[in-house]
Amino acid sequence: MSNTLNIGIFLYPGMTMFDAYGPLQLLSFAEGFHCFTFAKTAEPVPCDAGVNLLPNYGFDSCPHIDILLVAGGGNPHQPMQDAEIQNFLRQAASKAQYITSVCTGALILASAGVLDGYQTACHWAYKAAFQRYPNVTVVDQRVVIDRNHISGGGITAGLDFALTLVAEIKGAAAANTLQLLLEYDPQPPFNSGSPRSAAPELVAGVQAEVHKLAAELFD
């Protein structure tokens, strides 16, 4: 067990479940990782899908984290403003081997000050929210690796992120095996999964909805 790495996945109210549980499901099949969830307390956490998520640990009982994973949400403003959360994430990040994020989880890490000097991926519609974090560079890629920070873009990029993380730590053969085991062979029914391929009016409409949902992030 000494070679097993603890992956701690942070949960908070209003988060997007797939940002966390997509990677969690994939990583749970990988050898050499012990995945668990944690939150401010061990009480159930309501997510934006209308169901409660049950953390394995609260801050007061959370084990050592080797790989910190912060998932995103449509409006991550609350954890970005919560001093207790920010302090815990800073402390966890200072001891972790890898600091990782999916979607707007990068904004939560940026607000904690642990991404200064790093490049990161994030959901395309939230790029403007990083204007208040000039020391963080948002890169328009699905997955970004910058030293010990590995990040995934929008929600579904969490699967690509998880495979990349496995490849970085366990090698490409392990990641390829997992991808085949899970039959991860995306063939989306529409070519609108990126602002580069979607119709301009669709991009504008989604961006407007994001600004409405998380207006505090764009002030």
Protein backbone atom coordinates (compact mmCIF):
# COMPACT_ATOMS: atom_id res chain seq x y z
CA MET A 1 0.00 0.00 0.00
CA SER A 2 2.99 2.31 0.33
CA ASN A 3 2.90 2.98 -3.43
CA THR A 4 -0.81 3.79 -3.41
CA LEU A 5 -1.64 7.44 -4.06
CA ASN A 6 -4.57 9.07 -2.29
CA ILE A 7 -6.82 11.05 -4.65
CA GLY A 8 -8.95 13.46 -2.66
CA ILE A 9 -11.93 14.88 -4.57
CA PHE A 10 -13.45 18.04 -3.13
CA LEU A 11 -17.26 18.31 -2.98
CA TYR A 12 -19.30 21.45 -2.31
CA PRO A 13 -22.92 22.58 -2.66
CA GLY A 14 -24.07 23.32 -6.20
CA MET A 15 -21.17 21.55 -7.87
CA THR A 16 -21.54 19.61 -11.11
CA MET A 17 -21.57 15.93 -10.20
CA PHE A 18 -20.03 14.66 -13.44
CA ASP A 19 -16.97 16.89 -12.97
CA ALA A 20 -16.07 14.81 -9.93
CA TYR A 21 -17.75 11.45 -10.41
CA GLY A 22 -16.74 10.98 -14.05
CA PRO A 23 -13.04 11.01 -13.09
CA LEU A 24 -13.82 9.13 -9.87
CA GLN A 25 -15.46 6.27 -11.75
CA LEU A 26 -12.56 5.99 -14.19
CA LEU A 27 -9.82 6.34 -11.58
CA SER A 28 -11.47 3.74 -9.35
CA PHE A 29 -10.56 1.13 -11.97
CA ALA A 30 -6.89 2.15 -12.05
CA GLU A 31 -4.36 0.30 -9.94
CA GLY A 32 -2.32 2.22 -7.40
CA PHE A 33 -4.92 4.85 -6.57
CA HIS A 34 -7.19 5.21 -3.55
CA CYS A 35 -10.02 7.63 -4.37
CA PHE A 36 -12.17 9.35 -1.78
CA THR A 37 -14.38 12.41 -1.54
CA PHE A 38 -14.24 15.13 1.08
CA ALA A 39 -16.13 18.29 1.90
CA LYS A 40 -16.30 20.92 4.61
CA THR A 41 -18.23 18.42 6.71
CA ALA A 42 -19.22 14.80 6.16
CA GLU A 43 -22.87 15.80 5.74
CA PRO A 44 -24.61 15.20 2.38
CA VAL A 45 -23.82 17.83 -0.25
CA PRO A 46 -26.53 18.87 -2.76
CA CYS A 47 -25.24 19.03 -6.33
CA ASP A 48 -26.69 20.82 -9.33
CA ALA A 49 -28.30 17.61 -10.60
CA GLY A 50 -30.76 17.67 -7.70
CA VAL A 51 -29.28 14.78 -5.74
CA ASN A 52 -27.18 14.68 -2.59
CA LEU A 53 -23.55 13.54 -2.67
CA LEU A 54 -22.11 11.89 0.43
CA PRO A 55 -18.51 12.84 1.24
CA ASN A 56 -16.28 10.18 2.73
CA TYR A 57 -14.67 12.77 5.01
CA GLY A 58 -15.03 16.25 6.39
CA PHE A 59 -12.11 18.65 6.73
CA ASP A 60 -11.53 17.49 10.30
CA SER A 61 -11.07 13.82 9.34
CA CYS A 62 -9.64 14.04 5.83
CA PRO A 63 -6.60 11.79 5.21
CA HIS A 64 -3.42 12.99 3.53
CA ILE A 65 -4.03 13.91 -0.11
CA ASP A 66 -1.42 13.02 -2.73
CA ILE A 67 -3.55 14.17 -5.66
CA LEU A 68 -5.96 17.02 -5.00
CA LEU A 69 -8.90 17.18 -7.43
CA VAL A 70 -11.23 20.17 -7.40
CA ALA A 71 -14.31 19.80 -9.57
CA GLY A 72 -16.33 22.62 -11.07
CA GLY A 73 -19.86 23.93 -10.99
CA GLY A 74 -22.03 26.40 -12.84
CA ASN A 75 -21.41 29.02 -10.17
CA PRO A 76 -18.42 28.23 -7.92
CA HIS A 77 -18.58 31.65 -6.26
CA GLN A 78 -19.44 30.28 -2.80
CA PRO A 79 -16.35 28.06 -2.34
CA MET A 80 -14.25 30.83 -3.89
CA GLN A 81 -15.37 33.17 -1.10
CA ASP A 82 -15.37 30.74 1.84
CA ALA A 83 -12.23 31.39 3.92
CA GLU A 84 -12.30 27.96 5.58
CA ILE A 85 -12.48 26.19 2.22
CA GLN A 86 -9.78 28.37 0.72
CA ASN A 87 -7.45 27.76 3.66
CA PHE A 88 -7.98 24.00 3.56
CA LEU A 89 -7.33 23.82 -0.18
CA ARG A 90 -4.16 25.89 0.19
CA GLN A 91 -2.86 23.58 2.89
CA ALA A 92 -3.80 20.44 0.95
CA ALA A 93 -2.23 21.79 -2.24
CA SER A 94 1.02 22.63 -0.44
CA LYS A 95 1.43 18.95 0.55
CA ALA A 96 0.05 17.27 -2.58
CA GLN A 97 2.14 15.81 -5.37
CA TYR A 98 -0.42 16.90 -7.96
CA ILE A 99 -2.92 19.76 -7.92
CA THR A 100 -5.69 19.05 -10.41
CA SER A 101 -9.01 20.45 -11.56
CA VAL A 102 -11.91 19.91 -13.91
CA CYS A 103 -13.94 22.73 -15.47
CA THR A 104 -14.42 25.71 -13.12
CA GLY A 105 -12.57 23.88 -10.36
CA ALA A 106 -9.62 25.81 -11.77
CA LEU A 107 -11.30 29.04 -10.65
CA ILE A 108 -11.59 27.71 -7.10
CA LEU A 109 -7.89 26.84 -7.07
CA ALA A 110 -7.00 30.20 -8.62
CA SER A 111 -8.96 32.03 -5.92
CA ALA A 112 -6.96 30.10 -3.31
CA GLY A 113 -3.77 31.39 -4.92
CA VAL A 114 -2.32 27.97 -5.72
CA LEU A 115 -2.31 28.38 -9.51
CA ASP A 116 -0.18 31.53 -9.70
CA GLY A 117 2.39 31.01 -12.44
CA TYR A 118 0.55 28.02 -13.91
CA GLN A 119 -1.28 27.33 -17.14
CA THR A 120 -4.69 25.72 -16.79
CA ALA A 121 -7.68 24.49 -18.72
CA CYS A 122 -11.21 25.59 -17.85
CA HIS A 123 -14.65 25.63 -19.42
CA TRP A 124 -14.46 28.00 -22.40
CA ALA A 125 -17.38 30.16 -21.23
CA TYR A 126 -15.59 31.05 -17.97
CA LYS A 127 -12.31 32.24 -19.43
CA ALA A 128 -13.17 35.91 -18.81
CA ALA A 129 -13.58 35.17 -15.10
CA PHE A 130 -9.81 34.70 -14.87
CA GLN A 131 -9.24 38.42 -15.50
CA ARG A 132 -9.06 38.84 -11.72
CA TYR A 133 -6.25 36.26 -11.61
CA PRO A 134 -3.63 37.74 -13.94
CA ASN A 135 -0.95 35.30 -12.77
CA VAL A 136 -2.94 32.32 -14.10
CA THR A 137 -2.92 31.57 -17.83
CA VAL A 138 -5.96 29.85 -19.33
CA VAL A 139 -5.07 27.62 -22.27
CA ASP A 140 -7.66 26.67 -24.88
CA GLN A 141 -7.09 22.92 -24.71
CA ARG A 142 -9.18 20.02 -23.48
CA VAL A 143 -6.46 18.89 -21.07
CA VAL A 144 -3.46 20.93 -19.93
CA ILE A 145 -0.37 19.60 -18.15
CA ASP A 146 1.82 22.21 -16.48
CA ARG A 147 4.29 20.56 -14.12
CA ASN A 148 2.25 19.13 -11.23
CA HIS A 149 -0.99 20.84 -12.29
CA ILE A 150 -3.19 18.76 -14.61
CA SER A 151 -6.51 20.24 -15.61
CA GLY A 152 -9.49 19.42 -17.78
CA GLY A 153 -11.73 21.86 -19.63
CA GLY A 154 -15.51 21.69 -19.62
CA ILE A 155 -17.49 18.98 -17.82
CA THR A 156 -16.93 15.95 -20.08
CA ALA A 157 -13.21 16.73 -20.31
CA GLY A 158 -12.97 15.15 -16.87
CA LEU A 159 -12.73 11.75 -18.54
CA ASP A 160 -9.84 12.86 -20.76
CA PHE A 161 -8.26 14.47 -17.71
CA ALA A 162 -8.46 11.23 -15.73
CA LEU A 163 -6.91 9.18 -18.53
CA THR A 164 -4.14 11.76 -18.85
CA LEU A 165 -3.49 11.61 -15.12
CA VAL A 166 -3.23 7.81 -15.25
CA ALA A 167 -0.86 8.03 -18.22
CA GLU A 168 1.35 10.57 -16.43
CA ILE A 169 1.68 8.45 -13.30
CA LYS A 170 1.21 4.85 -14.44
CA GLY A 171 2.16 5.06 -18.12
CA ALA A 172 0.35 5.10 -21.45
CA ALA A 173 -0.28 1.34 -21.42
CA ALA A 174 -2.34 1.60 -18.23
CA ALA A 175 -4.35 4.49 -19.64
CA ASN A 176 -4.97 2.68 -22.92
CA THR A 177 -6.19 -0.39 -21.05
CA LEU A 178 -8.63 1.72 -19.03
CA GLN A 179 -9.93 3.49 -22.11
CA LEU A 180 -10.67 0.15 -23.78
CA LEU A 181 -12.14 -1.36 -20.61
CA LEU A 182 -14.58 1.55 -20.34
CA GLU A 183 -15.18 1.54 -24.11
CA TYR A 184 -14.51 5.25 -24.15
CA ASP A 185 -14.95 5.87 -27.87
CA PRO A 186 -16.80 9.19 -28.11
CA GLN A 187 -18.89 9.72 -31.22
CA PRO A 188 -21.18 12.64 -30.34
CA PRO A 189 -24.40 12.98 -32.31
CA PHE A 190 -23.74 16.67 -33.03
CA ASN A 191 -20.68 18.70 -33.92
CA SER A 192 -21.40 21.43 -31.38
CA GLY A 193 -19.29 20.45 -28.39
CA SER A 194 -16.82 23.30 -28.78
CA PRO A 195 -17.16 27.02 -29.53
CA ARG A 196 -14.86 26.35 -32.50
CA SER A 197 -17.41 24.06 -34.13
CA ALA A 198 -20.76 25.32 -32.80
CA ALA A 199 -22.82 27.95 -34.58
CA PRO A 200 -21.96 31.52 -33.47
CA GLU A 201 -25.50 32.18 -32.25
CA LEU A 202 -25.37 29.01 -30.13
CA VAL A 203 -22.05 30.06 -28.61
CA ALA A 204 -23.43 33.52 -27.82
CA GLY A 205 -26.53 32.02 -26.21
CA VAL A 206 -24.57 29.67 -23.96
CA GLN A 207 -22.17 32.45 -22.97
CA ALA A 208 -25.12 34.67 -22.03
CA GLU A 209 -26.61 31.90 -19.88
CA VAL A 210 -23.29 31.43 -18.09
CA HIS A 211 -23.02 35.15 -17.39
CA LYS A 212 -26.54 35.10 -15.99
CA LEU A 213 -25.89 32.01 -13.85
CA ALA A 214 -22.59 33.26 -12.40
CA ALA A 215 -22.76 37.02 -12.74
CA GLU A 216 -20.50 37.53 -9.68
CA LEU A 217 -17.59 35.92 -11.50
CA PHE A 218 -17.67 38.39 -14.37
CA ASP A 219 -18.06 41.68 -12.47
